[in-house]
Full PDB file with SEQRES, HELIX, SHEET, SSBOND, CRYST1, ORIGX, SCALE, CONECT and MASTER records, all heavy atoms in Angstrom:
SEQRES   1 A   32  TRP TYR ARG GLN ALA PRO GLY GLY PRO ARG GLU MET VAL          
SEQRES   2 A   32  ALA VAL ILE THR MET GLY GLY SER PRO THR TYR ALA ASN          
SEQRES   3 A   32  SER VAL LYS GLY ARG PHE                                      
HELIX    1 AA1 ASN A   26  VAL A   28  5                                   3    
SHEET    1 AA1 2 TYR A   2  GLN A   4  0                                        
SHEET    2 AA1 2 ARG A  10  MET A  12 -1                                        
SHEET    1 AA2 2 ALA A  14  ILE A  16  0                                        
SHEET    2 AA2 2 PRO A  22  TYR A  24 -1                                        
CRYST1    1.000    1.000    1.000  90.00  90.00  90.00 P 1           1          
ORIGX1      1.000000  0.000000  0.000000        0.00000                         
ORIGX2      0.000000  1.000000  0.000000        0.00000                         
ORIGX3      0.000000  0.000000  1.000000        0.00000                         
SCALE1      1.000000  0.000000  0.000000        0.00000                         
SCALE2      0.000000  1.000000  0.000000        0.00000                         
SCALE3      0.000000  0.000000  1.000000        0.00000                         
ATOM      1  N   TRP A   1     -75.347-164.092  -8.851  1.00  0.00           N  
ATOM      2  CA  TRP A   1     -76.549-163.236  -8.993  1.00  0.00           C  
ATOM      3  C   TRP A   1     -76.511-162.525 -10.347  1.00  0.00           C  
ATOM      4  O   TRP A   1     -75.478-162.034 -10.729  1.00  0.00           O  
ATOM      5  CB  TRP A   1     -76.643-162.216  -7.899  1.00  0.00           C  
ATOM      6  CG  TRP A   1     -77.046-162.846  -6.602  1.00  0.00           C  
ATOM      7  CD1 TRP A   1     -76.279-163.188  -5.629  1.00  0.00           C  
ATOM      8  CD2 TRP A   1     -78.410-163.157  -6.184  1.00  0.00           C  
ATOM      9  NE1 TRP A   1     -76.989-163.798  -4.525  1.00  0.00           N  
ATOM     10  CE2 TRP A   1     -78.306-163.706  -4.880  1.00  0.00           C  
ATOM     11  CE3 TRP A   1     -79.639-163.064  -6.755  1.00  0.00           C  
ATOM     12  CZ2 TRP A   1     -79.439-164.187  -4.177  1.00  0.00           C  
ATOM     13  CZ3 TRP A   1     -80.754-163.440  -6.075  1.00  0.00           C  
ATOM     14  CH2 TRP A   1     -80.659-164.005  -4.784  1.00  0.00           C  
ATOM     15  N   TYR A   2     -77.668-162.556 -11.005  1.00  0.00           N  
ATOM     16  CA  TYR A   2     -77.832-161.936 -12.300  1.00  0.00           C  
ATOM     17  C   TYR A   2     -79.088-161.027 -12.164  1.00  0.00           C  
ATOM     18  O   TYR A   2     -79.877-161.242 -11.298  1.00  0.00           O  
ATOM     19  CB  TYR A   2     -78.051-162.976 -13.366  1.00  0.00           C  
ATOM     20  CG  TYR A   2     -76.947-163.961 -13.507  1.00  0.00           C  
ATOM     21  CD1 TYR A   2     -76.715-164.926 -12.589  1.00  0.00           C  
ATOM     22  CD2 TYR A   2     -75.999-163.882 -14.597  1.00  0.00           C  
ATOM     23  CE1 TYR A   2     -75.662-165.842 -12.625  1.00  0.00           C  
ATOM     24  CE2 TYR A   2     -74.959-164.723 -14.653  1.00  0.00           C  
ATOM     25  CZ  TYR A   2     -74.754-165.740 -13.669  1.00  0.00           C  
ATOM     26  OH  TYR A   2     -73.673-166.553 -13.732  1.00  0.00           O  
ATOM     27  N   ARG A   3     -79.125-160.082 -13.041  1.00  0.00           N  
ATOM     28  CA  ARG A   3     -80.304-159.137 -12.940  1.00  0.00           C  
ATOM     29  C   ARG A   3     -80.868-158.831 -14.272  1.00  0.00           C  
ATOM     30  O   ARG A   3     -80.157-158.820 -15.295  1.00  0.00           O  
ATOM     31  CB  ARG A   3     -80.016-157.887 -12.187  1.00  0.00           C  
ATOM     32  CG  ARG A   3     -79.018-156.955 -12.823  1.00  0.00           C  
ATOM     33  CD  ARG A   3     -78.665-155.842 -11.880  1.00  0.00           C  
ATOM     34  NE  ARG A   3     -77.718-154.901 -12.477  1.00  0.00           N  
ATOM     35  CZ  ARG A   3     -77.162-153.843 -11.820  1.00  0.00           C  
ATOM     36  NH1 ARG A   3     -77.384-153.727 -10.571  1.00  0.00           N  
ATOM     37  NH2 ARG A   3     -76.357-153.054 -12.407  1.00  0.00           N  
ATOM     38  N   GLN A   4     -82.132-158.496 -14.349  1.00  0.00           N  
ATOM     39  CA  GLN A   4     -82.807-158.118 -15.586  1.00  0.00           C  
ATOM     40  C   GLN A   4     -83.714-156.965 -15.288  1.00  0.00           C  
ATOM     41  O   GLN A   4     -84.736-157.077 -14.533  1.00  0.00           O  
ATOM     42  CB  GLN A   4     -83.586-159.285 -16.151  1.00  0.00           C  
ATOM     43  CG  GLN A   4     -84.144-159.066 -17.547  1.00  0.00           C  
ATOM     44  CD  GLN A   4     -84.603-160.310 -18.184  1.00  0.00           C  
ATOM     45  OE1 GLN A   4     -84.846-161.376 -17.488  1.00  0.00           O  
ATOM     46  NE2 GLN A   4     -84.731-160.339 -19.515  1.00  0.00           N  
ATOM     47  N   ALA A   5     -83.411-155.827 -15.917  1.00  0.00           N  
ATOM     48  CA  ALA A   5     -84.258-154.658 -15.786  1.00  0.00           C  
ATOM     49  C   ALA A   5     -85.346-154.728 -16.900  1.00  0.00           C  
ATOM     50  O   ALA A   5     -85.170-155.406 -17.893  1.00  0.00           O  
ATOM     51  CB  ALA A   5     -83.441-153.361 -15.982  1.00  0.00           C  
ATOM     52  N   PRO A   6     -86.433-154.028 -16.694  1.00  0.00           N  
ATOM     53  CA  PRO A   6     -87.535-154.047 -17.680  1.00  0.00           C  
ATOM     54  C   PRO A   6     -87.045-153.755 -19.080  1.00  0.00           C  
ATOM     55  O   PRO A   6     -86.461-152.688 -19.284  1.00  0.00           O  
ATOM     56  CB  PRO A   6     -88.576-153.020 -17.130  1.00  0.00           C  
ATOM     57  CG  PRO A   6     -88.299-152.876 -15.726  1.00  0.00           C  
ATOM     58  CD  PRO A   6     -86.807-153.166 -15.540  1.00  0.00           C  
ATOM     59  N   GLY A   7     -87.335-154.614 -20.029  1.00  0.00           N  
ATOM     60  CA  GLY A   7     -86.951-154.415 -21.376  1.00  0.00           C  
ATOM     61  C   GLY A   7     -85.457-154.686 -21.693  1.00  0.00           C  
ATOM     62  O   GLY A   7     -85.037-154.504 -22.864  1.00  0.00           O  
ATOM     63  N   GLY A   8     -84.741-155.078 -20.703  1.00  0.00           N  
ATOM     64  CA  GLY A   8     -83.321-155.319 -20.898  1.00  0.00           C  
ATOM     65  C   GLY A   8     -82.891-156.787 -20.827  1.00  0.00           C  
ATOM     66  O   GLY A   8     -83.726-157.581 -20.452  1.00  0.00           O  
ATOM     67  N   PRO A   9     -81.630-157.061 -21.165  1.00  0.00           N  
ATOM     68  CA  PRO A   9     -81.209-158.468 -21.115  1.00  0.00           C  
ATOM     69  C   PRO A   9     -80.838-158.846 -19.727  1.00  0.00           C  
ATOM     70  O   PRO A   9     -80.595-157.992 -18.807  1.00  0.00           O  
ATOM     71  CB  PRO A   9     -79.934-158.443 -22.000  1.00  0.00           C  
ATOM     72  CG  PRO A   9     -79.420-157.004 -21.778  1.00  0.00           C  
ATOM     73  CD  PRO A   9     -80.608-156.169 -21.703  1.00  0.00           C  
ATOM     74  N   ARG A  10     -80.727-160.141 -19.453  1.00  0.00           N  
ATOM     75  CA  ARG A  10     -80.241-160.570 -18.143  1.00  0.00           C  
ATOM     76  C   ARG A  10     -78.714-160.425 -18.135  1.00  0.00           C  
ATOM     77  O   ARG A  10     -78.064-160.862 -19.068  1.00  0.00           O  
ATOM     78  CB  ARG A  10     -80.602-162.058 -17.939  1.00  0.00           C  
ATOM     79  CG  ARG A  10     -80.249-162.565 -16.490  1.00  0.00           C  
ATOM     80  CD  ARG A  10     -80.768-163.977 -16.255  1.00  0.00           C  
ATOM     81  NE  ARG A  10     -82.298-163.946 -16.325  1.00  0.00           N  
ATOM     82  CZ  ARG A  10     -82.994-165.042 -15.997  1.00  0.00           C  
ATOM     83  NH1 ARG A  10     -82.393-166.112 -15.500  1.00  0.00           N  
ATOM     84  NH2 ARG A  10     -84.332-165.041 -16.071  1.00  0.00           N  
ATOM     85  N   GLU A  11     -78.184-159.822 -17.080  1.00  0.00           N  
ATOM     86  CA  GLU A  11     -76.747-159.581 -16.988  1.00  0.00           C  
ATOM     87  C   GLU A  11     -76.207-160.069 -15.684  1.00  0.00           C  
ATOM     88  O   GLU A  11     -76.885-160.116 -14.672  1.00  0.00           O  
ATOM     89  CB  GLU A  11     -76.502-158.061 -17.112  1.00  0.00           C  
ATOM     90  CG  GLU A  11     -77.098-157.210 -16.049  1.00  0.00           C  
ATOM     91  CD  GLU A  11     -76.717-155.730 -16.117  1.00  0.00           C  
ATOM     92  OE1 GLU A  11     -76.194-155.309 -17.187  1.00  0.00           O  
ATOM     93  OE2 GLU A  11     -77.020-154.979 -15.184  1.00  0.00           O  
ATOM     94  N   MET A  12     -74.957-160.459 -15.757  1.00  0.00           N  
ATOM     95  CA  MET A  12     -74.269-160.880 -14.571  1.00  0.00           C  
ATOM     96  C   MET A  12     -74.003-159.772 -13.599  1.00  0.00           C  
ATOM     97  O   MET A  12     -73.563-158.718 -14.047  1.00  0.00           O  
ATOM     98  CB  MET A  12     -72.902-161.581 -14.976  1.00  0.00           C  
ATOM     99  CG  MET A  12     -72.185-162.253 -13.826  1.00  0.00           C  
ATOM    100  SD  MET A  12     -71.034-161.169 -12.908  1.00  0.00           S  
ATOM    101  CE  MET A  12     -69.762-160.959 -14.129  1.00  0.00           C  
ATOM    102  N   VAL A  13     -74.255-159.952 -12.320  1.00  0.00           N  
ATOM    103  CA  VAL A  13     -73.962-158.992 -11.313  1.00  0.00           C  
ATOM    104  C   VAL A  13     -72.684-159.388 -10.557  1.00  0.00           C  
ATOM    105  O   VAL A  13     -71.727-158.634 -10.481  1.00  0.00           O  
ATOM    106  CB  VAL A  13     -75.099-158.829 -10.329  1.00  0.00           C  
ATOM    107  CG1 VAL A  13     -74.701-157.865  -9.190  1.00  0.00           C  
ATOM    108  CG2 VAL A  13     -76.401-158.336 -11.133  1.00  0.00           C  
ATOM    109  N   ALA A  14     -72.680-160.594  -9.983  1.00  0.00           N  
ATOM    110  CA  ALA A  14     -71.608-161.101  -9.233  1.00  0.00           C  
ATOM    111  C   ALA A  14     -71.701-162.585  -9.207  1.00  0.00           C  
ATOM    112  O   ALA A  14     -72.800-163.091  -9.047  1.00  0.00           O  
ATOM    113  CB  ALA A  14     -71.560-160.559  -7.806  1.00  0.00           C  
ATOM    114  N   VAL A  15     -70.515-163.272  -9.315  1.00  0.00           N  
ATOM    115  CA  VAL A  15     -70.478-164.683  -9.334  1.00  0.00           C  
ATOM    116  C   VAL A  15     -69.346-165.121  -8.379  1.00  0.00           C  
ATOM    117  O   VAL A  15     -68.330-164.380  -8.310  1.00  0.00           O  
ATOM    118  CB  VAL A  15     -70.218-165.307 -10.773  1.00  0.00           C  
ATOM    119  CG1 VAL A  15     -69.973-166.740 -10.680  1.00  0.00           C  
ATOM    120  CG2 VAL A  15     -71.339-164.942 -11.634  1.00  0.00           C  
ATOM    121  N   ILE A  16     -69.521-166.249  -7.698  1.00  0.00           N  
ATOM    122  CA  ILE A  16     -68.389-166.758  -6.842  1.00  0.00           C  
ATOM    123  C   ILE A  16     -68.237-168.219  -7.048  1.00  0.00           C  
ATOM    124  O   ILE A  16     -69.196-168.957  -7.236  1.00  0.00           O  
ATOM    125  CB  ILE A  16     -68.764-166.370  -5.364  1.00  0.00           C  
ATOM    126  CG1 ILE A  16     -67.584-166.640  -4.472  1.00  0.00           C  
ATOM    127  CG2 ILE A  16     -69.989-167.212  -4.897  1.00  0.00           C  
ATOM    128  CD1 ILE A  16     -67.713-166.022  -3.121  1.00  0.00           C  
ATOM    129  N   THR A  17     -66.964-168.670  -7.066  1.00  0.00           N  
ATOM    130  CA  THR A  17     -66.684-170.066  -7.160  1.00  0.00           C  
ATOM    131  C   THR A  17     -66.900-170.778  -5.809  1.00  0.00           C  
ATOM    132  O   THR A  17     -66.964-170.074  -4.781  1.00  0.00           O  
ATOM    133  CB  THR A  17     -65.225-170.296  -7.573  1.00  0.00           C  
ATOM    134  OG1 THR A  17     -64.307-169.926  -6.576  1.00  0.00           O  
ATOM    135  CG2 THR A  17     -64.920-169.491  -8.882  1.00  0.00           C  
ATOM    136  N   MET A  18     -66.964-172.091  -5.794  1.00  0.00           N  
ATOM    137  CA  MET A  18     -67.092-172.780  -4.537  1.00  0.00           C  
ATOM    138  C   MET A  18     -65.885-172.634  -3.686  1.00  0.00           C  
ATOM    139  O   MET A  18     -65.870-172.883  -2.501  1.00  0.00           O  
ATOM    140  CB  MET A  18     -67.394-174.232  -4.819  1.00  0.00           C  
ATOM    141  CG  MET A  18     -68.802-174.514  -5.480  1.00  0.00           C  
ATOM    142  SD  MET A  18     -70.192-173.837  -4.444  1.00  0.00           S  
ATOM    143  CE  MET A  18     -70.457-172.213  -5.134  1.00  0.00           C  
ATOM    144  N   GLY A  19     -64.750-172.255  -4.316  1.00  0.00           N  
ATOM    145  CA  GLY A  19     -63.536-171.919  -3.569  1.00  0.00           C  
ATOM    146  C   GLY A  19     -63.561-170.516  -3.007  1.00  0.00           C  
ATOM    147  O   GLY A  19     -62.596-170.148  -2.247  1.00  0.00           O  
ATOM    148  N   GLY A  20     -64.526-169.733  -3.397  1.00  0.00           N  
ATOM    149  CA  GLY A  20     -64.641-168.381  -2.801  1.00  0.00           C  
ATOM    150  C   GLY A  20     -64.147-167.241  -3.590  1.00  0.00           C  
ATOM    151  O   GLY A  20     -63.987-166.148  -3.132  1.00  0.00           O  
ATOM    152  N   SER A  21     -63.784-167.472  -4.889  1.00  0.00           N  
ATOM    153  CA  SER A  21     -63.228-166.426  -5.719  1.00  0.00           C  
ATOM    154  C   SER A  21     -64.357-165.714  -6.391  1.00  0.00           C  
ATOM    155  O   SER A  21     -65.113-166.269  -7.129  1.00  0.00           O  
ATOM    156  CB  SER A  21     -62.316-167.017  -6.802  1.00  0.00           C  
ATOM    157  OG  SER A  21     -61.209-167.600  -6.140  1.00  0.00           O  
ATOM    158  N   PRO A  22     -64.468-164.365  -6.192  1.00  0.00           N  
ATOM    159  CA  PRO A  22     -65.601-163.563  -6.731  1.00  0.00           C  
ATOM    160  C   PRO A  22     -65.207-162.919  -8.088  1.00  0.00           C  
ATOM    161  O   PRO A  22     -64.061-162.639  -8.333  1.00  0.00           O  
ATOM    162  CB  PRO A  22     -65.855-162.541  -5.705  1.00  0.00           C  
ATOM    163  CG  PRO A  22     -64.504-162.259  -5.136  1.00  0.00           C  
ATOM    164  CD  PRO A  22     -63.783-163.594  -5.186  1.00  0.00           C  
ATOM    165  N   THR A  23     -66.287-162.668  -8.864  1.00  0.00           N  
ATOM    166  CA  THR A  23     -66.185-161.821 -10.021  1.00  0.00           C  
ATOM    167  C   THR A  23     -67.285-160.875 -10.017  1.00  0.00           C  
ATOM    168  O   THR A  23     -68.435-161.250  -9.712  1.00  0.00           O  
ATOM    169  CB  THR A  23     -66.226-162.703 -11.318  1.00  0.00           C  
ATOM    170  OG1 THR A  23     -65.209-163.626 -11.273  1.00  0.00           O  
ATOM    171  CG2 THR A  23     -66.189-161.842 -12.559  1.00  0.00           C  
ATOM    172  N   TYR A  24     -67.069-159.619 -10.320  1.00  0.00           N  
ATOM    173  CA  TYR A  24     -68.106-158.583 -10.332  1.00  0.00           C  
ATOM    174  C   TYR A  24     -68.246-157.891 -11.678  1.00  0.00           C  
ATOM    175  O   TYR A  24     -67.280-157.674 -12.416  1.00  0.00           O  
ATOM    176  CB  TYR A  24     -67.785-157.501  -9.300  1.00  0.00           C  
ATOM    177  CG  TYR A  24     -67.757-158.031  -7.859  1.00  0.00           C  
ATOM    178  CD1 TYR A  24     -66.493-158.398  -7.302  1.00  0.00           C  
ATOM    179  CD2 TYR A  24     -68.867-158.111  -7.094  1.00  0.00           C  
ATOM    180  CE1 TYR A  24     -66.447-158.842  -5.989  1.00  0.00           C  
ATOM    181  CE2 TYR A  24     -68.864-158.605  -5.806  1.00  0.00           C  
ATOM    182  CZ  TYR A  24     -67.569-158.921  -5.253  1.00  0.00           C  
ATOM    183  OH  TYR A  24     -67.524-159.406  -3.923  1.00  0.00           O  
ATOM    184  N   ALA A  25     -69.502-157.451 -11.952  1.00  0.00           N  
ATOM    185  CA  ALA A  25     -69.752-156.570 -13.027  1.00  0.00           C  
ATOM    186  C   ALA A  25     -69.106-155.216 -12.736  1.00  0.00           C  
ATOM    187  O   ALA A  25     -69.087-154.783 -11.569  1.00  0.00           O  
ATOM    188  CB  ALA A  25     -71.192-156.436 -13.338  1.00  0.00           C  
ATOM    189  N   ASN A  26     -68.602-154.509 -13.737  1.00  0.00           N  
ATOM    190  CA  ASN A  26     -67.980-153.230 -13.494  1.00  0.00           C  
ATOM    191  C   ASN A  26     -68.957-152.276 -12.835  1.00  0.00           C  
ATOM    192  O   ASN A  26     -68.505-151.412 -12.015  1.00  0.00           O  
ATOM    193  CB  ASN A  26     -67.488-152.618 -14.825  1.00  0.00           C  
ATOM    194  CG  ASN A  26     -66.259-153.324 -15.384  1.00  0.00           C  
ATOM    195  OD1 ASN A  26     -65.497-153.954 -14.610  1.00  0.00           O  
ATOM    196  ND2 ASN A  26     -66.087-153.277 -16.711  1.00  0.00           N  
ATOM    197  N   SER A  27     -70.194-152.384 -13.174  1.00  0.00           N  
ATOM    198  CA  SER A  27     -71.177-151.449 -12.672  1.00  0.00           C  
ATOM    199  C   SER A  27     -71.423-151.525 -11.102  1.00  0.00           C  
ATOM    200  O   SER A  27     -72.016-150.630 -10.499  1.00  0.00           O  
ATOM    201  CB  SER A  27     -72.544-151.598 -13.390  1.00  0.00           C  
ATOM    202  OG  SER A  27     -73.012-152.925 -13.204  1.00  0.00           O  
ATOM    203  N   VAL A  28     -71.014-152.688 -10.537  1.00  0.00           N  
ATOM    204  CA  VAL A  28     -71.257-152.837  -9.118  1.00  0.00           C  
ATOM    205  C   VAL A  28     -69.944-152.962  -8.288  1.00  0.00           C  
ATOM    206  O   VAL A  28     -69.964-153.031  -7.075  1.00  0.00           O  
ATOM    207  CB  VAL A  28     -72.105-154.093  -8.847  1.00  0.00           C  
ATOM    208  CG1 VAL A  28     -73.437-153.968  -9.672  1.00  0.00           C  
ATOM    209  CG2 VAL A  28     -71.448-155.378  -9.171  1.00  0.00           C  
ATOM    210  N   LYS A  29     -68.813-152.932  -8.978  1.00  0.00           N  
ATOM    211  CA  LYS A  29     -67.583-153.059  -8.264  1.00  0.00           C  
ATOM    212  C   LYS A  29     -67.401-151.899  -7.211  1.00  0.00           C  
ATOM    213  O   LYS A  29     -67.735-150.776  -7.521  1.00  0.00           O  
ATOM    214  CB  LYS A  29     -66.381-152.994  -9.232  1.00  0.00           C  
ATOM    215  CG  LYS A  29     -66.091-154.304  -9.898  1.00  0.00           C  
ATOM    216  CD  LYS A  29     -64.882-154.213 -10.845  1.00  0.00           C  
ATOM    217  CE  LYS A  29     -64.613-155.493 -11.520  1.00  0.00           C  
ATOM    218  NZ  LYS A  29     -63.530-155.426 -12.518  1.00  0.00           N  
ATOM    219  N   GLY A  30     -66.990-152.328  -6.034  1.00  0.00           N  
ATOM    220  CA  GLY A  30     -66.822-151.344  -4.969  1.00  0.00           C  
ATOM    221  C   GLY A  30     -68.095-151.100  -4.166  1.00  0.00           C  
ATOM    222  O   GLY A  30     -68.044-150.448  -3.125  1.00  0.00           O  
ATOM    223  N   ARG A  31     -69.250-151.517  -4.647  1.00  0.00           N  
ATOM    224  CA  ARG A  31     -70.574-151.270  -4.012  1.00  0.00           C  
ATOM    225  C   ARG A  31     -71.157-152.570  -3.487  1.00  0.00           C  
ATOM    226  O   ARG A  31     -71.726-152.681  -2.374  1.00  0.00           O  
ATOM    227  CB  ARG A  31     -71.534-150.603  -4.910  1.00  0.00           C  
ATOM    228  CG  ARG A  31     -71.085-149.215  -5.388  1.00  0.00           C  
ATOM    229  CD  ARG A  31     -72.191-148.489  -6.083  1.00  0.00           C  
ATOM    230  NE  ARG A  31     -72.627-149.211  -7.284  1.00  0.00           N  
ATOM    231  CZ  ARG A  31     -73.882-149.596  -7.512  1.00  0.00           C  
ATOM    232  NH1 ARG A  31     -74.851-149.375  -6.563  1.00  0.00           N  
ATOM    233  NH2 ARG A  31     -74.214-150.212  -8.641  1.00  0.00           N  
ATOM    234  N   PHE A  32     -70.989-153.617  -4.315  1.00  0.00           N  
ATOM    235  CA  PHE A  32     -71.636-154.942  -3.987  1.00  0.00           C  
ATOM    236  C   PHE A  32     -70.562-155.885  -3.553  1.00  0.00           C  
ATOM    237  O   PHE A  32     -69.413-155.839  -3.958  1.00  0.00           O  
ATOM    238  CB  PHE A  32     -72.366-155.536  -5.176  1.00  0.00           C  
ATOM    239  CG  PHE A  32     -73.626-154.832  -5.584  1.00  0.00           C  
ATOM    240  CD1 PHE A  32     -73.938-153.596  -5.156  1.00  0.00           C  
ATOM    241  CD2 PHE A  32     -74.441-155.454  -6.556  1.00  0.00           C  
ATOM    242  CE1 PHE A  32     -75.118-152.953  -5.482  1.00  0.00           C  
ATOM    243  CE2 PHE A  32     -75.635-154.802  -6.926  1.00  0.00           C  
ATOM    244  CZ  PHE A  32     -75.941-153.557  -6.420  1.00  0.00           C  
TER     245      PHE A  32                                                      
MASTER        0    0    0    1    4    0    0    6  244    1    0    3          
END                                                                             
């Protein structure tokens, strides 16, 4: 999942591999 706020760039939120390994943006770690 990626997100884009009005006037801002598209940024990564969270990504997961097909093996199930996740990566999170610092801004959402612990919440998402």
